Amino acid sequence: MFRSIRIDAVLIQAVIAGALSFAHLHDLAEAAGQSGWKAWAYPVSVDLLLVAAWRRLRGARRDHSAWTWFVIALVASLGANVATAGLLDLDHVPPWLRILVAGWPALAFLGGTLLVHQPTEPEPTAAPAPAPAASADPAPVVDRPDVADEGPEIAPAEPVPALPEAPAPVSVPVVPPALVDHARKVATEHRTRTGTDIDTATLRARLGIPEDLAGAIVAQLA
């Protein structure tokens, strides 16, 4: 992991600047009446607000609230550096500075909460290109005198009417000879009793056979 970290002048400068700014904020907070661990918590609070505002600016450049909190954290850091440069007597800190230092935790918490929970503005999407408008005028017809007349147009031949389909052959059932003999006896008995030839329905009812088979037998008996 340490091999991937390249030590250059910018990294060294950032470490020095961060250490000095951290120490100046600690000295100012301690001079304003914040002793012990409280004095060390102030530099952490300022730097965290500065980092949160910077991360917010990277995602939304036009976020005015992120710029506001970034400037507030930057002024707090730069103010501590300037105040501890000899322009302010740290042994006799003015009351307004004590009030600012005491109220900083609540201000930093408010800024961090607003930066974290504020929705990120959506990225603008490119509008689709408009479709080319269709021309309302039809394409002009160009007369070409150099093209010879190809003669009269040939009318298409009339369609040939389809031939009617031939009817499917009717299958004639095969009648056993024994059944024909029995049917002839039944027909003779019917003619003797009624004086008329037996029909298909009567023969079908007497013998209990299908209608097509009864018709074939009647045709043979005729």
Protein backbone atom coordinates (compact mmCIF):
# COMPACT_ATOMS: atom_id res chain seq x y z
CA MET A 1 0.00 0.00 0.00
CA PHE A 2 2.81 2.41 0.85
CA ARG A 3 4.45 1.81 -2.52
CA SER A 4 1.41 3.29 -4.30
CA ILE A 5 1.80 6.61 -2.42
CA ARG A 6 4.15 8.88 -4.32
CA ILE A 7 5.81 11.49 -2.11
CA ASP A 8 6.21 14.77 -4.00
CA ALA A 9 6.40 18.47 -3.19
CA VAL A 10 2.62 18.95 -3.22
CA LEU A 11 2.05 16.18 -0.67
CA ILE A 12 4.75 17.52 1.65
CA GLN A 13 3.33 21.03 1.34
CA ALA A 14 -0.16 19.74 2.17
CA VAL A 15 1.10 17.97 5.31
CA ILE A 16 2.93 21.10 6.51
CA ALA A 17 -0.05 23.38 5.83
CA GLY A 18 -2.46 21.02 7.56
CA ALA A 19 -0.25 20.65 10.65
CA LEU A 20 0.27 24.40 11.02
CA SER A 21 -3.41 25.20 10.49
CA PHE A 22 -4.36 22.49 12.98
CA ALA A 23 -1.97 23.93 15.58
CA HIS A 24 -3.20 27.50 15.03
CA LEU A 25 -6.83 26.48 15.48
CA HIS A 26 -5.90 24.60 18.67
CA ASP A 27 -4.03 27.60 20.07
CA LEU A 28 -6.90 29.98 19.28
CA ALA A 29 -9.51 27.67 20.84
CA GLU A 30 -7.36 27.23 23.95
CA ALA A 31 -6.88 30.99 24.23
CA ALA A 32 -10.66 31.48 23.94
CA GLY A 33 -11.27 29.33 27.02
CA GLN A 34 -11.52 25.82 25.49
CA SER A 35 -9.00 23.68 27.34
CA GLY A 36 -8.02 20.01 27.20
CA TRP A 37 -9.56 17.78 24.55
CA LYS A 38 -12.01 20.51 23.58
CA ALA A 39 -9.20 22.63 22.12
CA TRP A 40 -8.11 19.68 19.95
CA ALA A 41 -11.67 19.03 18.74
CA TYR A 42 -11.99 22.50 17.13
CA PRO A 43 -9.41 21.94 14.35
CA VAL A 44 -11.02 18.60 13.52
CA SER A 45 -14.45 20.23 13.29
CA VAL A 46 -13.22 23.00 10.97
CA ASP A 47 -11.35 20.61 8.68
CA LEU A 48 -14.28 18.18 8.47
CA LEU A 49 -16.66 20.97 7.46
CA LEU A 50 -14.15 22.15 4.86
CA VAL A 51 -13.82 18.64 3.39
CA ALA A 52 -17.61 18.08 3.38
CA ALA A 53 -18.22 21.36 1.54
CA TRP A 54 -15.48 20.56 -0.99
CA ARG A 55 -16.94 17.10 -1.71
CA ARG A 56 -20.35 18.70 -2.17
CA LEU A 57 -18.90 21.21 -4.65
CA ARG A 58 -17.35 18.39 -6.70
CA GLY A 59 -20.80 16.86 -7.23
CA ALA A 60 -22.76 20.11 -7.74
CA ARG A 61 -20.78 23.13 -8.90
CA ARG A 62 -23.80 25.45 -8.83
CA ASP A 63 -24.79 24.60 -5.25
CA HIS A 64 -24.77 27.99 -3.48
CA SER A 65 -25.16 26.49 -0.02
CA ALA A 66 -22.03 24.37 -0.51
CA TRP A 67 -20.06 27.48 -1.50
CA THR A 68 -21.39 29.27 1.58
CA TRP A 69 -20.23 26.58 4.02
CA PHE A 70 -16.93 26.20 2.19
CA VAL A 71 -16.24 29.93 2.63
CA ILE A 72 -17.27 29.78 6.31
CA ALA A 73 -14.88 26.90 7.05
CA LEU A 74 -12.10 28.57 5.02
CA VAL A 75 -12.52 31.88 6.90
CA ALA A 76 -12.41 30.01 10.24
CA SER A 77 -9.15 28.30 9.24
CA LEU A 78 -7.53 31.41 7.77
CA GLY A 79 -8.77 33.55 10.65
CA ALA A 80 -7.07 31.29 13.17
CA ASN A 81 -3.81 31.44 11.19
CA VAL A 82 -3.88 35.25 11.02
CA ALA A 83 -5.01 35.70 14.64
CA THR A 84 -2.11 33.63 15.98
CA ALA A 85 0.46 35.49 13.87
CA GLY A 86 0.89 38.20 16.50
CA LEU A 87 -2.01 40.45 15.53
CA LEU A 88 -4.09 39.21 18.47
CA ASP A 89 -3.09 39.07 22.11
CA LEU A 90 -3.87 35.47 23.02
CA ASP A 91 -3.61 36.31 26.72
CA HIS A 92 -6.46 38.82 26.43
CA VAL A 93 -8.95 37.44 23.87
CA PRO A 94 -11.92 39.78 23.17
CA PRO A 95 -15.40 38.60 24.22
CA TRP A 96 -16.76 38.45 20.64
CA LEU A 97 -14.05 35.93 19.74
CA ARG A 98 -14.92 33.80 22.75
CA ILE A 99 -18.56 33.85 21.60
CA LEU A 100 -17.58 32.77 18.06
CA VAL A 101 -15.40 29.94 19.35
CA ALA A 102 -18.10 28.74 21.76
CA GLY A 103 -20.79 28.80 19.07
CA TRP A 104 -18.70 27.11 16.38
CA PRO A 105 -19.68 23.45 17.22
CA ALA A 106 -23.38 24.14 16.68
CA LEU A 107 -22.65 26.05 13.45
CA ALA A 108 -20.40 23.30 12.12
CA PHE A 109 -22.98 20.60 12.94
CA LEU A 110 -25.70 22.57 11.14
CA GLY A 111 -23.53 23.03 8.07
CA GLY A 112 -22.49 19.38 7.93
CA THR A 113 -26.08 18.17 8.30
CA LEU A 114 -27.32 20.43 5.49
CA LEU A 115 -24.50 19.35 3.19
CA VAL A 116 -25.12 15.65 3.74
CA HIS A 117 -28.92 15.62 3.51
CA GLN A 118 -29.37 18.11 0.69
CA PRO A 119 -30.41 16.33 -2.57
CA THR A 120 -27.96 16.37 -5.44
CA GLU A 121 -29.20 18.16 -8.54
CA PRO A 122 -29.63 15.80 -11.52
CA GLU A 123 -27.18 15.94 -14.37
CA PRO A 124 -28.56 17.74 -17.45
CA THR A 125 -29.42 15.40 -20.29
CA ALA A 126 -28.86 16.38 -23.88
CA ALA A 127 -32.06 17.15 -25.76
CA PRO A 128 -32.76 14.84 -28.70
CA ALA A 129 -32.04 16.29 -32.11
CA PRO A 130 -35.23 17.38 -33.93
CA ALA A 131 -36.30 15.16 -36.79
CA PRO A 132 -36.00 16.72 -40.26
CA ALA A 133 -39.31 18.13 -41.43
CA ALA A 134 -40.87 16.35 -44.37
CA SER A 135 -41.26 18.45 -47.48
CA ALA A 136 -44.88 19.37 -48.17
CA ASP A 137 -44.32 19.86 -51.92
CA PRO A 138 -44.24 16.69 -54.00
CA ALA A 139 -41.21 15.95 -56.10
CA PRO A 140 -41.51 17.77 -59.45
CA VAL A 141 -42.06 15.69 -62.55
CA VAL A 142 -39.33 16.37 -65.09
CA ASP A 143 -40.19 15.97 -68.76
CA ARG A 144 -37.45 14.23 -70.71
CA PRO A 145 -37.88 14.81 -74.42
CA ASP A 146 -34.79 12.76 -75.17
CA VAL A 147 -36.56 9.56 -74.08
CA ALA A 148 -38.33 7.91 -77.03
CA ASP A 149 -41.95 6.81 -76.80
CA GLU A 150 -42.03 3.18 -75.87
CA GLY A 151 -45.36 2.57 -77.67
CA PRO A 152 -48.79 1.75 -76.34
CA GLU A 153 -49.04 0.14 -72.98
CA ILE A 154 -49.97 -3.53 -72.97
CA ALA A 155 -53.00 -4.24 -70.83
CA PRO A 156 -52.53 -7.10 -68.40
CA ALA A 157 -54.15 -10.36 -69.34
CA GLU A 158 -57.37 -11.25 -67.63
CA PRO A 159 -57.00 -13.91 -64.98
CA VAL A 160 -58.01 -17.42 -66.04
CA PRO A 161 -60.96 -18.65 -63.98
CA ALA A 162 -60.16 -21.59 -61.82
CA LEU A 163 -61.62 -24.92 -62.83
CA PRO A 164 -64.26 -26.34 -60.50
CA GLU A 165 -62.98 -29.02 -58.30
CA ALA A 166 -64.11 -32.53 -59.10
CA PRO A 167 -66.38 -34.04 -56.46
CA ALA A 168 -64.74 -36.56 -54.26
CA PRO A 169 -65.65 -40.14 -55.17
CA VAL A 170 -68.31 -41.63 -52.97
CA SER A 171 -67.17 -44.82 -51.40
CA VAL A 172 -69.67 -47.66 -51.73
CA PRO A 173 -69.71 -50.03 -48.78
CA VAL A 174 -69.04 -53.69 -49.47
CA VAL A 175 -72.13 -55.78 -48.64
CA PRO A 176 -71.57 -59.40 -47.62
CA PRO A 177 -73.58 -61.89 -49.75
CA ALA A 178 -75.16 -63.48 -46.70
CA LEU A 179 -76.51 -60.11 -45.62
CA VAL A 180 -77.91 -59.54 -49.12
CA ASP A 181 -79.75 -62.88 -49.02
CA HIS A 182 -81.20 -62.12 -45.61
CA ALA A 183 -82.22 -58.63 -46.76
CA ARG A 184 -83.93 -60.14 -49.85
CA LYS A 185 -86.03 -62.39 -47.60
CA VAL A 186 -87.01 -59.42 -45.47
CA ALA A 187 -87.91 -57.44 -48.60
CA THR A 188 -90.03 -60.29 -50.01
CA GLU A 189 -91.91 -60.63 -46.73
CA HIS A 190 -92.49 -56.84 -46.70
CA ARG A 191 -93.80 -56.85 -50.31
CA THR A 192 -96.14 -59.73 -49.52
CA ARG A 193 -97.50 -58.01 -46.43
CA THR A 194 -97.75 -54.43 -47.69
CA GLY A 195 -97.73 -54.77 -51.49
CA THR A 196 -94.86 -52.21 -51.83
CA ASP A 197 -91.12 -52.50 -52.11
CA ILE A 198 -89.16 -52.02 -48.94
CA ASP A 199 -87.37 -48.67 -48.55
CA THR A 200 -83.99 -47.85 -47.02
CA ALA A 201 -85.34 -46.63 -43.66
CA THR A 202 -87.49 -49.72 -43.14
CA LEU A 203 -84.68 -52.08 -44.09
CA ARG A 204 -82.28 -50.22 -41.80
CA ALA A 205 -84.77 -50.50 -38.92
CA ARG A 206 -85.45 -54.21 -39.55
CA LEU A 207 -81.80 -55.26 -39.84
CA GLY A 208 -80.21 -52.69 -37.48
CA ILE A 209 -77.51 -51.70 -39.95
CA PRO A 210 -76.08 -48.26 -40.91
CA GLU A 211 -77.99 -46.12 -43.37
CA ASP A 212 -75.34 -46.23 -46.12
CA LEU A 213 -75.21 -50.02 -45.93
CA ALA A 214 -79.01 -50.25 -46.05
CA GLY A 215 -79.04 -47.98 -49.11
CA ALA A 216 -76.50 -50.15 -50.90
CA ILE A 217 -78.60 -53.27 -50.22
CA VAL A 218 -81.80 -51.59 -51.46
CA ALA A 219 -79.95 -50.58 -54.64
CA GLN A 220 -78.98 -54.21 -55.22
CA LEU A 221 -82.50 -55.46 -54.57
CA ALA A 222 -84.07 -53.04 -57.05
